[in-house]
Amino acid sequence: MSTAVVWLPFLHNFLIIYANFDGPFYIIPAKTLYNPQAIEVLGVGLNLSPEYFAAHLPLYPLFIRVFAPILGYLKSMLFVNIASTVTLVWLFYFVVKKLNLSEKPLLLASIFLFIPRFLITRSVGAPESLFMLLIFASLYLFEEKKLFWSAVLGGLAAMCKTPGILLFLAYFLVYLEQFMRTRKFDSKSLYILLIPAGLLGVFSLYAAQMGDFFAYFHTQSVVPLLYPFAAFNFDAKWIQTIWLEDILFYFALFGFAVVLLKESRQRSFFYFSLVFLVATTFVQHRDIARYILPVVPFVLIAYEKTLTSKKFMYVALLLLPAVYLFVWNFIGHNVAPIGDWSPFI
């Protein structure tokens, strides 16, 4: 229902939804499996070389490819995202309820749906919902001691977006903490090697199809990770603005959440949030709100008492129209200049 409201102003020209960055560009690897000759034949245009598509990791395109024979590529792009969102929010509700992380798990899950930047990414073509689902599921299984399947999902997360590799570091820190406390080594901890193996599998695919193991780093579309708080640089390629005060509030809000999670019994929740937040401070991009989305479920858990209070709900309801105005404005102008749709159909 909430996605239908997002789409409502664009029903007269639904191509705006399809064209939102970077959704349609995941269709190209879905159709070609990164074969440069096949990409050239499609004739995407827009001055995009075949190497550019290596920036779009294969798991989301593979899911698009699976459902494309039934739905077509454009509708499949949206279907995979929506299905991932539904599964993610259901899993969030299930975990919060099972682990007794909130007295109002359904309300907390409902708030999750309306995080402004998440509301955008889950309503257009984007890999974020799938990525967040894999991360959250991996962390939950880790807490349930199902270490092999946790690592498998972690490897899949790394095949969806490169920051999935941060799960490896988070789990390593959990194991290090356990070792410092018990002085015992659990051989099952080696399962976490499946996480970097997932990313190596992506690079191996690029080597086989594009002849370049490091094609991802040669796309000229990789956001640089330079130094802490790298976003505060007007001259950077993906910044080009001095209006960055909101990023400070993101770091403050998420940073305090990490502090609150420090005492959590779910040690992987804390370490993942910490590692991902620190890594995000190095991202030199204006859209920090999107890059930090995988930490949102844990921020909601950290602030659950405030977020599920009546006082907050009064404010949230007042802000809801503003959330939708923000989303409509963003989606209406975040459109790739696609003139010929034939390569994406």
C-alpha atoms as a PDB file:
ATOM      1  CA  MET A   1       0.000   0.000   0.000  1.00  0.00           C
ATOM      2  CA  SER A   2       2.746   2.465   0.942  1.00  0.00           C
ATOM      3  CA  THR A   3       4.554   1.733  -2.349  1.00  0.00           C
ATOM      4  CA  ALA A   4       1.322   2.285  -4.286  1.00  0.00           C
ATOM      5  CA  VAL A   5       1.089   5.754  -2.722  1.00  0.00           C
ATOM      6  CA  VAL A   6       4.666   6.453  -3.847  1.00  0.00           C
ATOM      7  CA  TRP A   7       3.770   5.414  -7.391  1.00  0.00           C
ATOM      8  CA  LEU A   8       0.492   7.365  -7.503  1.00  0.00           C
ATOM      9  CA  PRO A   9       1.824  10.642  -9.021  1.00  0.00           C
ATOM     10  CA  PHE A  10       3.749   8.697 -11.673  1.00  0.00           C
ATOM     11  CA  LEU A  11       0.984   6.442 -12.979  1.00  0.00           C
ATOM     12  CA  HIS A  12       0.577   8.720 -16.014  1.00  0.00           C
ATOM     13  CA  ASN A  13       4.267   8.205 -16.841  1.00  0.00           C
ATOM     14  CA  PHE A  14       5.517   5.088 -15.083  1.00  0.00           C
ATOM     15  CA  LEU A  15       8.778   5.249 -17.018  1.00  0.00           C
ATOM     16  CA  ILE A  16       9.910   7.711 -14.335  1.00  0.00           C
ATOM     17  CA  ILE A  17       9.792   4.852 -11.812  1.00  0.00           C
ATOM     18  CA  TYR A  18      11.589   2.476 -14.165  1.00  0.00           C
ATOM     19  CA  ALA A  19      14.240   5.081 -15.029  1.00  0.00           C
ATOM     20  CA  ASN A  20      15.287   5.956 -11.487  1.00  0.00           C
ATOM     21  CA  PHE A  21      19.011   5.491 -10.889  1.00  0.00           C
ATOM     22  CA  ASP A  22      20.473   2.892 -10.933  1.00  0.00           C
ATOM     23  CA  GLY A  23      17.644   0.440 -11.502  1.00  0.00           C
ATOM     24  CA  PRO A  24      17.646   0.018 -15.293  1.00  0.00           C
ATOM     25  CA  PHE A  25      21.406  -0.438 -15.368  1.00  0.00           C
ATOM     26  CA  TYR A  26      21.023  -3.687 -13.413  1.00  0.00           C
ATOM     27  CA  ILE A  27      18.941  -5.007 -16.309  1.00  0.00           C
ATOM     28  CA  ILE A  28      21.902  -4.921 -18.695  1.00  0.00           C
ATOM     29  CA  PRO A  29      24.006  -7.488 -16.759  1.00  0.00           C
ATOM     30  CA  ALA A  30      20.781  -9.458 -16.183  1.00  0.00           C
ATOM     31  CA  LYS A  31      20.389  -9.774 -19.951  1.00  0.00           C
ATOM     32  CA  THR A  32      24.049 -10.184 -20.918  1.00  0.00           C
ATOM     33  CA  LEU A  33      25.779 -11.705 -17.853  1.00  0.00           C
ATOM     34  CA  TYR A  34      28.502  -9.070 -18.349  1.00  0.00           C
ATOM     35  CA  ASN A  35      29.491 -10.259 -21.824  1.00  0.00           C
ATOM     36  CA  PRO A  36      31.013  -7.141 -23.472  1.00  0.00           C
ATOM     37  CA  GLN A  37      29.981  -8.179 -26.981  1.00  0.00           C
ATOM     38  CA  ALA A  38      26.388  -8.748 -25.870  1.00  0.00           C
ATOM     39  CA  ILE A  39      26.360  -5.356 -24.149  1.00  0.00           C
ATOM     40  CA  GLU A  40      27.636  -3.698 -27.319  1.00  0.00           C
ATOM     41  CA  VAL A  41      24.908  -5.416 -29.348  1.00  0.00           C
ATOM     42  CA  LEU A  42      22.230  -4.081 -26.994  1.00  0.00           C
ATOM     43  CA  GLY A  43      23.394  -0.563 -27.790  1.00  0.00           C
ATOM     44  CA  VAL A  44      22.660   1.005 -24.406  1.00  0.00           C
ATOM     45  CA  GLY A  45      24.171   4.331 -25.407  1.00  0.00           C
ATOM     46  CA  LEU A  46      24.517   7.099 -22.787  1.00  0.00           C
ATOM     47  CA  ASN A  47      28.299   6.894 -23.295  1.00  0.00           C
ATOM     48  CA  LEU A  48      28.416   3.823 -21.052  1.00  0.00           C
ATOM     49  CA  SER A  49      31.173   1.323 -21.776  1.00  0.00           C
ATOM     50  CA  PRO A  50      30.689  -2.415 -21.095  1.00  0.00           C
ATOM     51  CA  GLU A  51      33.087  -2.063 -18.151  1.00  0.00           C
ATOM     52  CA  TYR A  52      30.681   0.372 -16.472  1.00  0.00           C
ATOM     53  CA  PHE A  53      28.264  -2.447 -15.642  1.00  0.00           C
ATOM     54  CA  ALA A  54      30.818  -4.236 -13.498  1.00  0.00           C
ATOM     55  CA  ALA A  55      29.890  -1.665 -10.838  1.00  0.00           C
ATOM     56  CA  HIS A  56      26.497  -3.415 -10.637  1.00  0.00           C
ATOM     57  CA  LEU A  57      27.172  -6.687  -8.831  1.00  0.00           C
ATOM     58  CA  PRO A  58      25.451  -9.824 -10.140  1.00  0.00           C
ATOM     59  CA  LEU A  59      23.070 -11.115  -7.470  1.00  0.00           C
ATOM     60  CA  TYR A  60      20.263  -8.589  -8.053  1.00  0.00           C
ATOM     61  CA  PRO A  61      20.605  -8.946 -11.860  1.00  0.00           C
ATOM     62  CA  LEU A  62      20.461 -12.745 -11.528  1.00  0.00           C
ATOM     63  CA  PHE A  63      17.166 -12.518  -9.633  1.00  0.00           C
ATOM     64  CA  ILE A  64      15.850 -10.114 -12.288  1.00  0.00           C
ATOM     65  CA  ARG A  65      16.862 -12.630 -14.944  1.00  0.00           C
ATOM     66  CA  VAL A  66      15.012 -15.459 -13.155  1.00  0.00           C
ATOM     67  CA  PHE A  67      11.644 -13.671 -13.184  1.00  0.00           C
ATOM     68  CA  ALA A  68      12.064 -11.849 -16.505  1.00  0.00           C
ATOM     69  CA  PRO A  69      10.549 -14.679 -18.638  1.00  0.00           C
ATOM     70  CA  ILE A  70       7.324 -14.248 -16.660  1.00  0.00           C
ATOM     71  CA  LEU A  71       7.216 -10.518 -15.956  1.00  0.00           C
ATOM     72  CA  GLY A  72       9.614  -8.915 -18.416  1.00  0.00           C
ATOM     73  CA  TYR A  73      12.823  -7.233 -17.292  1.00  0.00           C
ATOM     74  CA  LEU A  74      11.412  -3.902 -16.108  1.00  0.00           C
ATOM     75  CA  LYS A  75       8.615  -5.413 -14.030  1.00  0.00           C
ATOM     76  CA  SER A  76      10.972  -8.103 -12.740  1.00  0.00           C
ATOM     77  CA  MET A  77      13.337  -5.356 -11.569  1.00  0.00           C
ATOM     78  CA  LEU A  78      10.556  -3.943  -9.375  1.00  0.00           C
ATOM     79  CA  PHE A  79       9.141  -7.331  -8.347  1.00  0.00           C
ATOM     80  CA  VAL A  80      12.456  -8.565  -6.925  1.00  0.00           C
ATOM     81  CA  ASN A  81      12.834  -5.350  -4.940  1.00  0.00           C
ATOM     82  CA  ILE A  82       9.296  -5.422  -3.554  1.00  0.00           C
ATOM     83  CA  ALA A  83       9.465  -9.125  -2.695  1.00  0.00           C
ATOM     84  CA  SER A  84      12.790  -8.536  -0.920  1.00  0.00           C
ATOM     85  CA  THR A  85      11.282  -5.615   1.004  1.00  0.00           C
ATOM     86  CA  VAL A  86       8.284  -7.638   2.174  1.00  0.00           C
ATOM     87  CA  THR A  87      10.552 -10.489   3.292  1.00  0.00           C
ATOM     88  CA  LEU A  88      12.973  -8.096   5.011  1.00  0.00           C
ATOM     89  CA  VAL A  89      10.299  -6.279   7.019  1.00  0.00           C
ATOM     90  CA  TRP A  90       8.586  -9.562   7.947  1.00  0.00           C
ATOM     91  CA  LEU A  91      11.930 -10.993   9.091  1.00  0.00           C
ATOM     92  CA  PHE A  92      12.641  -7.816  11.075  1.00  0.00           C
ATOM     93  CA  TYR A  93       9.272  -8.173  12.847  1.00  0.00           C
ATOM     94  CA  PHE A  94       9.890 -11.875  13.476  1.00  0.00           C
ATOM     95  CA  VAL A  95      13.376 -11.350  14.914  1.00  0.00           C
ATOM     96  CA  VAL A  96      12.409  -8.386  17.078  1.00  0.00           C
ATOM     97  CA  LYS A  97       9.505 -10.379  18.501  1.00  0.00           C
ATOM     98  CA  LYS A  98      11.409 -13.636  18.955  1.00  0.00           C
ATOM     99  CA  LEU A  99      14.420 -12.005  20.626  1.00  0.00           C
ATOM    100  CA  ASN A 100      12.136  -9.749  22.687  1.00  0.00           C
ATOM    101  CA  LEU A 101      13.849  -6.603  21.413  1.00  0.00           C
ATOM    102  CA  SER A 102      10.693  -4.492  21.633  1.00  0.00           C
ATOM    103  CA  GLU A 103       7.274  -4.681  23.264  1.00  0.00           C
ATOM    104  CA  LYS A 104       5.757  -3.363  20.030  1.00  0.00           C
ATOM    105  CA  PRO A 105       7.470  -5.264  17.203  1.00  0.00           C
ATOM    106  CA  LEU A 106       4.692  -4.638  14.659  1.00  0.00           C
ATOM    107  CA  LEU A 107       4.795  -0.890  15.232  1.00  0.00           C
ATOM    108  CA  LEU A 108       8.586  -0.873  14.976  1.00  0.00           C
ATOM    109  CA  ALA A 109       8.412  -2.834  11.710  1.00  0.00           C
ATOM    110  CA  SER A 110       5.839  -0.354  10.387  1.00  0.00           C
ATOM    111  CA  ILE A 111       8.165   2.545  11.187  1.00  0.00           C
ATOM    112  CA  PHE A 112      10.909   0.719   9.288  1.00  0.00           C
ATOM    113  CA  LEU A 113       8.785   0.890   6.129  1.00  0.00           C
ATOM    114  CA  PHE A 114       8.650   4.679   6.256  1.00  0.00           C
ATOM    115  CA  ILE A 115      12.324   5.532   6.719  1.00  0.00           C
ATOM    116  CA  PRO A 116      12.459   8.161   3.920  1.00  0.00           C
ATOM    117  CA  ARG A 117      15.478   6.938   1.963  1.00  0.00           C
ATOM    118  CA  PHE A 118      14.371   3.321   2.331  1.00  0.00           C
ATOM    119  CA  LEU A 119      10.893   4.230   1.091  1.00  0.00           C
ATOM    120  CA  ILE A 120      12.564   5.483  -2.102  1.00  0.00           C
ATOM    121  CA  THR A 121      14.928   2.584  -2.730  1.00  0.00           C
ATOM    122  CA  ARG A 122      12.222  -0.017  -2.122  1.00  0.00           C
ATOM    123  CA  SER A 123       9.820   1.652  -4.571  1.00  0.00           C
ATOM    124  CA  VAL A 124      12.098   1.740  -7.632  1.00  0.00           C
ATOM    125  CA  GLY A 125      14.701  -0.570  -9.143  1.00  0.00           C
ATOM    126  CA  ALA A 126      17.470  -0.987  -6.563  1.00  0.00           C
ATOM    127  CA  PRO A 127      19.440  -3.766  -4.819  1.00  0.00           C
ATOM    128  CA  GLU A 128      19.224  -2.274  -1.321  1.00  0.00           C
ATOM    129  CA  SER A 129      16.261  -4.307  -0.040  1.00  0.00           C
ATOM    130  CA  LEU A 130      17.819  -7.576  -1.198  1.00  0.00           C
ATOM    131  CA  PHE A 131      21.165  -6.533   0.267  1.00  0.00           C
ATOM    132  CA  MET A 132      19.635  -5.554   3.613  1.00  0.00           C
ATOM    133  CA  LEU A 133      17.620  -8.783   3.718  1.00  0.00           C
ATOM    134  CA  LEU A 134      20.721 -10.923   3.233  1.00  0.00           C
ATOM    135  CA  ILE A 135      22.652  -8.976   5.859  1.00  0.00           C
ATOM    136  CA  PHE A 136      19.886  -9.063   8.453  1.00  0.00           C
ATOM    137  CA  ALA A 137      19.167 -12.745   7.833  1.00  0.00           C
ATOM    138  CA  SER A 138      22.873 -13.570   8.085  1.00  0.00           C
ATOM    139  CA  LEU A 139      23.192 -11.734  11.385  1.00  0.00           C
ATOM    140  CA  TYR A 140      20.082 -13.400  12.805  1.00  0.00           C
ATOM    141  CA  LEU A 141      21.333 -16.861  11.844  1.00  0.00           C
ATOM    142  CA  PHE A 142      24.696 -16.000  13.379  1.00  0.00           C
ATOM    143  CA  GLU A 143      22.982 -15.209  16.668  1.00  0.00           C
ATOM    144  CA  GLU A 144      21.085 -18.492  16.389  1.00  0.00           C
ATOM    145  CA  LYS A 145      24.441 -20.325  16.028  1.00  0.00           C
ATOM    146  CA  LYS A 146      23.610 -21.473  12.509  1.00  0.00           C
ATOM    147  CA  LEU A 147      27.048 -20.399  11.420  1.00  0.00           C
ATOM    148  CA  PHE A 148      27.313 -22.140   8.064  1.00  0.00           C
ATOM    149  CA  TRP A 149      24.068 -20.680   6.681  1.00  0.00           C
ATOM    150  CA  SER A 150      24.903 -17.314   8.202  1.00  0.00           C
ATOM    151  CA  ALA A 151      28.174 -17.325   6.258  1.00  0.00           C
ATOM    152  CA  VAL A 152      26.433 -18.479   3.066  1.00  0.00           C
ATOM    153  CA  LEU A 153      24.030 -15.539   3.250  1.00  0.00           C
ATOM    154  CA  GLY A 154      26.962 -13.273   4.045  1.00  0.00           C
ATOM    155  CA  GLY A 155      28.695 -14.478   0.883  1.00  0.00           C
ATOM    156  CA  LEU A 156      25.528 -13.752  -1.095  1.00  0.00           C
ATOM    157  CA  ALA A 157      25.388 -10.266   0.440  1.00  0.00           C
ATOM    158  CA  ALA A 158      28.923  -9.658  -0.830  1.00  0.00           C
ATOM    159  CA  MET A 159      27.701 -10.749  -4.281  1.00  0.00           C
ATOM    160  CA  CYS A 160      24.935  -8.154  -4.064  1.00  0.00           C
ATOM    161  CA  LYS A 161      26.947  -5.114  -2.954  1.00  0.00           C
ATOM    162  CA  THR A 162      30.623  -4.917  -2.026  1.00  0.00           C
ATOM    163  CA  PRO A 163      30.011  -3.561   1.531  1.00  0.00           C
ATOM    164  CA  GLY A 164      28.665  -7.036   2.310  1.00  0.00           C
ATOM    165  CA  ILE A 165      32.298  -7.917   2.956  1.00  0.00           C
ATOM    166  CA  LEU A 166      31.986  -5.918   6.195  1.00  0.00           C
ATOM    167  CA  LEU A 167      30.045  -8.838   7.672  1.00  0.00           C
ATOM    168  CA  PHE A 168      33.336 -10.736   7.617  1.00  0.00           C
ATOM    169  CA  LEU A 169      35.000  -8.097   9.797  1.00  0.00           C
ATOM    170  CA  ALA A 170      31.996  -7.895  12.140  1.00  0.00           C
ATOM    171  CA  TYR A 171      31.981 -11.666  12.698  1.00  0.00           C
ATOM    172  CA  PHE A 172      35.735 -11.671  13.131  1.00  0.00           C
ATOM    173  CA  LEU A 173      35.389  -9.126  15.943  1.00  0.00           C
ATOM    174  CA  VAL A 174      32.712 -11.237  17.625  1.00  0.00           C
ATOM    175  CA  TYR A 175      34.988 -14.274  17.481  1.00  0.00           C
ATOM    176  CA  LEU A 176      37.908 -12.211  18.754  1.00  0.00           C
ATOM    177  CA  GLU A 177      35.842 -11.038  21.717  1.00  0.00           C
ATOM    178  CA  GLN A 178      34.822 -14.621  22.449  1.00  0.00           C
ATOM    179  CA  PHE A 179      38.424 -15.820  22.212  1.00  0.00           C
ATOM    180  CA  MET A 180      39.641 -13.086  24.555  1.00  0.00           C
ATOM    181  CA  ARG A 181      37.000 -14.185  27.064  1.00  0.00           C
ATOM    182  CA  THR A 182      37.291 -17.989  26.783  1.00  0.00           C
ATOM    183  CA  ARG A 183      40.717 -18.560  25.198  1.00  0.00           C
ATOM    184  CA  LYS A 184      39.052 -21.197  23.000  1.00  0.00           C
ATOM    185  CA  PHE A 185      39.031 -21.397  19.216  1.00  0.00           C
ATOM    186  CA  ASP A 186      35.909 -22.704  17.463  1.00  0.00           C
ATOM    187  CA  SER A 187      36.754 -24.265  14.097  1.00  0.00           C
ATOM    188  CA  LYS A 188      33.251 -23.370  12.880  1.00  0.00           C
ATOM    189  CA  SER A 189      34.345 -19.749  12.883  1.00  0.00           C
ATOM    190  CA  LEU A 190      36.202 -20.528   9.654  1.00  0.00           C
ATOM    191  CA  TYR A 191      32.854 -20.573   7.882  1.00  0.00           C
ATOM    192  CA  ILE A 192      33.127 -16.781   7.663  1.00  0.00           C
ATOM    193  CA  LEU A 193      35.679 -17.292   4.891  1.00  0.00           C
ATOM    194  CA  LEU A 194      32.652 -17.934   2.669  1.00  0.00           C
ATOM    195  CA  ILE A 195      31.920 -14.203   2.819  1.00  0.00           C
ATOM    196  CA  PRO A 196      35.052 -13.001   0.985  1.00  0.00           C
ATOM    197  CA  ALA A 197      34.687 -16.097  -1.206  1.00  0.00           C
ATOM    198  CA  GLY A 198      31.399 -14.613  -2.444  1.00  0.00           C
ATOM    199  CA  LEU A 199      33.147 -11.442  -3.540  1.00  0.00           C
ATOM    200  CA  LEU A 200      35.975 -13.441  -5.119  1.00  0.00           C
ATOM    201  CA  GLY A 201      33.304 -15.303  -7.057  1.00  0.00           C
ATOM    202  CA  VAL A 202      32.038 -12.000  -8.452  1.00  0.00           C
ATOM    203  CA  PHE A 203      35.513 -10.965  -9.526  1.00  0.00           C
ATOM    204  CA  SER A 204      36.069 -14.400 -11.066  1.00  0.00           C
ATOM    205  CA  LEU A 205      32.889 -13.941 -13.092  1.00  0.00           C
ATOM    206  CA  TYR A 206      34.236 -10.612 -14.322  1.00  0.00           C
ATOM    207  CA  ALA A 207      37.530 -12.280 -15.239  1.00  0.00           C
ATOM    208  CA  ALA A 208      35.717 -14.947 -17.248  1.00  0.00           C
ATOM    209  CA  GLN A 209      33.272 -12.626 -18.988  1.00  0.00           C
ATOM    210  CA  MET A 210      35.195  -9.365 -19.285  1.00  0.00           C
ATOM    211  CA  GLY A 211      38.785 -10.575 -19.118  1.00  0.00           C
ATOM    212  CA  ASP A 212      39.489  -8.395 -16.081  1.00  0.00           C
ATOM    213  CA  PHE A 213      39.453  -9.773 -12.531  1.00  0.00           C
ATOM    214  CA  PHE A 214      39.531  -6.203 -11.192  1.00  0.00           C
ATOM    215  CA  ALA A 215      36.881  -4.844 -13.569  1.00  0.00           C
ATOM    216  CA  TYR A 216      34.860  -3.518 -10.618  1.00  0.00           C
ATOM    217  CA  PHE A 217      37.672  -1.102  -9.782  1.00  0.00           C
ATOM    218  CA  HIS A 218      38.036   0.016 -13.405  1.00  0.00           C
ATOM    219  CA  THR A 219      34.463   1.213 -13.918  1.00  0.00           C
ATOM    220  CA  GLN A 220      35.193   4.818 -12.896  1.00  0.00           C
ATOM    221  CA  SER A 221      31.993   4.518 -10.846  1.00  0.00           C
ATOM    222  CA  VAL A 222      33.459   3.218  -7.596  1.00  0.00           C
ATOM    223  CA  VAL A 223      32.884   5.714  -4.791  1.00  0.00           C
ATOM    224  CA  PRO A 224      36.249   6.526  -3.167  1.00  0.00           C
ATOM    225  CA  LEU A 225      36.929   5.604   0.468  1.00  0.00           C
ATOM    226  CA  LEU A 226      39.568   8.137   1.387  1.00  0.00           C
ATOM    227  CA  TYR A 227      39.537   9.296   5.011  1.00  0.00           C
ATOM    228  CA  PRO A 228      37.033   9.761   7.866  1.00  0.00           C
ATOM    229  CA  PHE A 229      34.198  12.174   7.040  1.00  0.00           C
ATOM    230  CA  ALA A 230      35.309  12.305   3.413  1.00  0.00           C
ATOM    231  CA  ALA A 231      31.851  13.522   2.373  1.00  0.00           C
ATOM    232  CA  PHE A 232      32.681  17.020   3.564  1.00  0.00           C
ATOM    233  CA  ASN A 233      34.525  18.055   0.424  1.00  0.00           C
ATOM    234  CA  PHE A 234      32.758  20.344  -2.027  1.00  0.00           C
ATOM    235  CA  ASP A 235      35.144  19.534  -4.906  1.00  0.00           C
ATOM    236  CA  ALA A 236      34.620  15.756  -4.774  1.00  0.00           C
ATOM    237  CA  LYS A 237      32.962  14.108  -7.785  1.00  0.00           C
ATOM    238  CA  TRP A 238      29.838  12.918  -5.960  1.00  0.00           C
ATOM    239  CA  ILE A 239      29.500  15.918  -3.605  1.00  0.00           C
ATOM    240  CA  GLN A 240      29.474  19.270  -5.430  1.00  0.00           C
ATOM    241  CA  THR A 241      27.566  21.073  -2.689  1.00  0.00           C
ATOM    242  CA  ILE A 242      28.222  22.839   0.605  1.00  0.00           C
ATOM    243  CA  TRP A 243      24.771  21.899   1.979  1.00  0.00           C
ATOM    244  CA  LEU A 244      25.886  18.888   3.997  1.00  0.00           C
ATOM    245  CA  GLU A 245      24.690  19.584   7.533  1.00  0.00           C
ATOM    246  CA  ASP A 246      22.204  16.697   7.427  1.00  0.00           C
ATOM    247  CA  ILE A 247      25.088  14.233   7.153  1.00  0.00           C
ATOM    248  CA  LEU A 248      26.315  15.364  10.564  1.00  0.00           C
ATOM    249  CA  PHE A 249      22.933  14.483  12.015  1.00  0.00           C
ATOM    250  CA  TYR A 250      23.056  11.041  10.377  1.00  0.00           C
ATOM    251  CA  PHE A 251      26.430  10.309  11.914  1.00  0.00           C
ATOM    252  CA  ALA A 252      25.272  11.597  15.312  1.00  0.00           C
ATOM    253  CA  LEU A 253      22.012   9.607  15.231  1.00  0.00           C
ATOM    254  CA  PHE A 254      23.648   6.399  14.062  1.00  0.00           C
ATOM    255  CA  GLY A 255      26.687   6.878  16.290  1.00  0.00           C
ATOM    256  CA  PHE A 256      24.594   7.143  19.434  1.00  0.00           C
ATOM    257  CA  ALA A 257      22.633   4.070  18.359  1.00  0.00           C
ATOM    258  CA  VAL A 258      25.900   2.122  18.143  1.00  0.00           C
ATOM    259  CA  VAL A 259      26.756   3.270  21.671  1.00  0.00           C
ATOM    260  CA  LEU A 260      23.359   2.005  22.888  1.00  0.00           C
ATOM    261  CA  LEU A 261      23.924  -1.324  21.112  1.00  0.00           C
ATOM    262  CA  LYS A 262      27.249  -1.812  22.894  1.00  0.00           C
ATOM    263  CA  GLU A 263      25.490  -3.552  25.770  1.00  0.00           C
ATOM    264  CA  SER A 264      23.359  -5.721  23.494  1.00  0.00           C
ATOM    265  CA  ARG A 265      23.402  -9.480  23.980  1.00  0.00           C
ATOM    266  CA  GLN A 266      23.400  -9.768  20.192  1.00  0.00           C
ATOM    267  CA  ARG A 267      27.097  -9.034  19.769  1.00  0.00           C
ATOM    268  CA  SER A 268      27.011  -9.335  15.973  1.00  0.00           C
ATOM    269  CA  PHE A 269      24.347  -6.584  15.818  1.00  0.00           C
ATOM    270  CA  PHE A 270      26.678  -4.246  17.700  1.00  0.00           C
ATOM    271  CA  TYR A 271      29.851  -5.076  15.808  1.00  0.00           C
ATOM    272  CA  PHE A 272      28.210  -4.941  12.395  1.00  0.00           C
ATOM    273  CA  SER A 273      26.647  -1.557  13.168  1.00  0.00           C
ATOM    274  CA  LEU A 274      29.975  -0.246  14.443  1.00  0.00           C
ATOM    275  CA  VAL A 275      31.991  -1.524  11.477  1.00  0.00           C
ATOM    276  CA  PHE A 276      29.471  -0.334   8.900  1.00  0.00           C
ATOM    277  CA  LEU A 277      29.141   3.115  10.478  1.00  0.00           C
ATOM    278  CA  VAL A 278      32.921   3.598  10.615  1.00  0.00           C
ATOM    279  CA  ALA A 279      33.238   2.460   6.991  1.00  0.00           C
ATOM    280  CA  THR A 280      30.476   4.859   5.938  1.00  0.00           C
ATOM    281  CA  THR A 281      32.364   7.831   7.358  1.00  0.00           C
ATOM    282  CA  PHE A 282      35.004   7.132   4.678  1.00  0.00           C
ATOM    283  CA  VAL A 283      32.461   7.251   1.826  1.00  0.00           C
ATOM    284  CA  GLN A 284      32.918  10.339  -0.326  1.00  0.00           C
ATOM    285  CA  HIS A 285      29.361  10.682  -1.585  1.00  0.00           C
ATOM    286  CA  ARG A 286      26.481  13.052  -0.950  1.00  0.00           C
ATOM    287  CA  ASP A 287      23.974  10.237  -0.530  1.00  0.00           C
ATOM    288  CA  ILE A 288      25.145   8.972   2.864  1.00  0.00           C
ATOM    289  CA  ALA A 289      21.515   8.243   3.751  1.00  0.00           C
ATOM    290  CA  ARG A 290      21.475   5.481   1.141  1.00  0.00           C
ATOM    291  CA  TYR A 291      24.894   4.056   1.917  1.00  0.00           C
ATOM    292  CA  ILE A 292      24.083   3.661   5.601  1.00  0.00           C
ATOM    293  CA  LEU A 293      20.706   1.946   5.102  1.00  0.00           C
ATOM    294  CA  PRO A 294      21.931  -1.532   6.190  1.00  0.00           C
ATOM    295  CA  VAL A 295      22.396  -0.177   9.725  1.00  0.00           C
ATOM    296  CA  VAL A 296      18.817   1.149   9.928  1.00  0.00           C
ATOM    297  CA  PRO A 297      17.279  -2.047  11.424  1.00  0.00           C
ATOM    298  CA  PHE A 298      19.717  -1.880  14.319  1.00  0.00           C
ATOM    299  CA  VAL A 299      19.171   1.833  14.840  1.00  0.00           C
ATOM    300  CA  LEU A 300      15.447   1.117  15.138  1.00  0.00           C
ATOM    301  CA  ILE A 301      16.200  -1.567  17.727  1.00  0.00           C
ATOM    302  CA  ALA A 302      18.474   0.795  19.655  1.00  0.00           C
ATOM    303  CA  TYR A 303      15.833   3.551  19.809  1.00  0.00           C
ATOM    304  CA  GLU A 304      12.793   1.268  20.026  1.00  0.00           C
ATOM    305  CA  LYS A 305      11.456   2.692  23.299  1.00  0.00           C
ATOM    306  CA  THR A 306      11.408   6.228  21.892  1.00  0.00           C
ATOM    307  CA  LEU A 307      10.196   5.238  18.438  1.00  0.00           C
ATOM    308  CA  THR A 308       7.236   3.234  19.739  1.00  0.00           C
ATOM    309  CA  SER A 309       6.112   5.890  22.226  1.00  0.00           C
ATOM    310  CA  LYS A 310       2.895   7.867  21.734  1.00  0.00           C
ATOM    311  CA  LYS A 311       4.816  11.150  21.680  1.00  0.00           C
ATOM    312  CA  PHE A 312       6.949  10.008  18.774  1.00  0.00           C
ATOM    313  CA  MET A 313       3.929   8.695  16.893  1.00  0.00           C
ATOM    314  CA  TYR A 314       2.270  12.124  17.070  1.00  0.00           C
ATOM    315  CA  VAL A 315       5.355  13.677  15.456  1.00  0.00           C
ATOM    316  CA  ALA A 316       5.678  10.835  12.926  1.00  0.00           C
ATOM    317  CA  LEU A 317       2.091  11.258  11.758  1.00  0.00           C
ATOM    318  CA  LEU A 318       2.616  14.992  11.332  1.00  0.00           C
ATOM    319  CA  LEU A 319       5.753  14.330   9.290  1.00  0.00           C
ATOM    320  CA  LEU A 320       4.253  11.623   7.094  1.00  0.00           C
ATOM    321  CA  PRO A 321       3.029  14.072   4.403  1.00  0.00           C
ATOM    322  CA  ALA A 322       6.513  15.623   4.349  1.00  0.00           C
ATOM    323  CA  VAL A 323       8.058  12.171   3.905  1.00  0.00           C
ATOM    324  CA  TYR A 324       5.930  11.526   0.826  1.00  0.00           C
ATOM    325  CA  LEU A 325       6.620  14.995  -0.586  1.00  0.00           C
ATOM    326  CA  PHE A 326      10.345  14.331  -0.180  1.00  0.00           C
ATOM    327  CA  VAL A 327      10.013  10.913  -1.846  1.00  0.00           C
ATOM    328  CA  TRP A 328       7.957  12.219  -4.794  1.00  0.00           C
ATOM    329  CA  ASN A 329      10.341  15.112  -5.345  1.00  0.00           C
ATOM    330  CA  PHE A 330      13.383  12.829  -5.220  1.00  0.00           C
ATOM    331  CA  ILE A 331      11.996  10.137  -7.506  1.00  0.00           C
ATOM    332  CA  GLY A 332      10.696  12.689  -9.991  1.00  0.00           C
ATOM    333  CA  HIS A 333      14.184  14.120 -10.516  1.00  0.00           C
ATOM    334  CA  ASN A 334      16.482  11.121  -9.982  1.00  0.00           C
ATOM    335  CA  VAL A 335      15.888   9.876 -13.523  1.00  0.00           C
ATOM    336  CA  ALA A 336      18.406   8.417 -15.969  1.00  0.00           C
ATOM    337  CA  PRO A 337      18.205  10.152 -19.388  1.00  0.00           C
ATOM    338  CA  ILE A 338      17.052   7.074 -21.296  1.00  0.00           C
ATOM    339  CA  GLY A 339      15.703   7.857 -24.768  1.00  0.00           C
ATOM    340  CA  ASP A 340      15.636   4.371 -26.255  1.00  0.00           C
ATOM    341  CA  TRP A 341      14.086   1.754 -23.960  1.00  0.00           C
ATOM    342  CA  SER A 342      14.598  -1.218 -26.272  1.00  0.00           C
ATOM    343  CA  PRO A 343      17.822  -2.451 -24.515  1.00  0.00           C
ATOM    344  CA  PHE A 344      15.925  -2.624 -21.197  1.00  0.00           C
ATOM    345  CA  ILE A 345      12.803  -4.457 -22.337  1.00  0.00           C
END
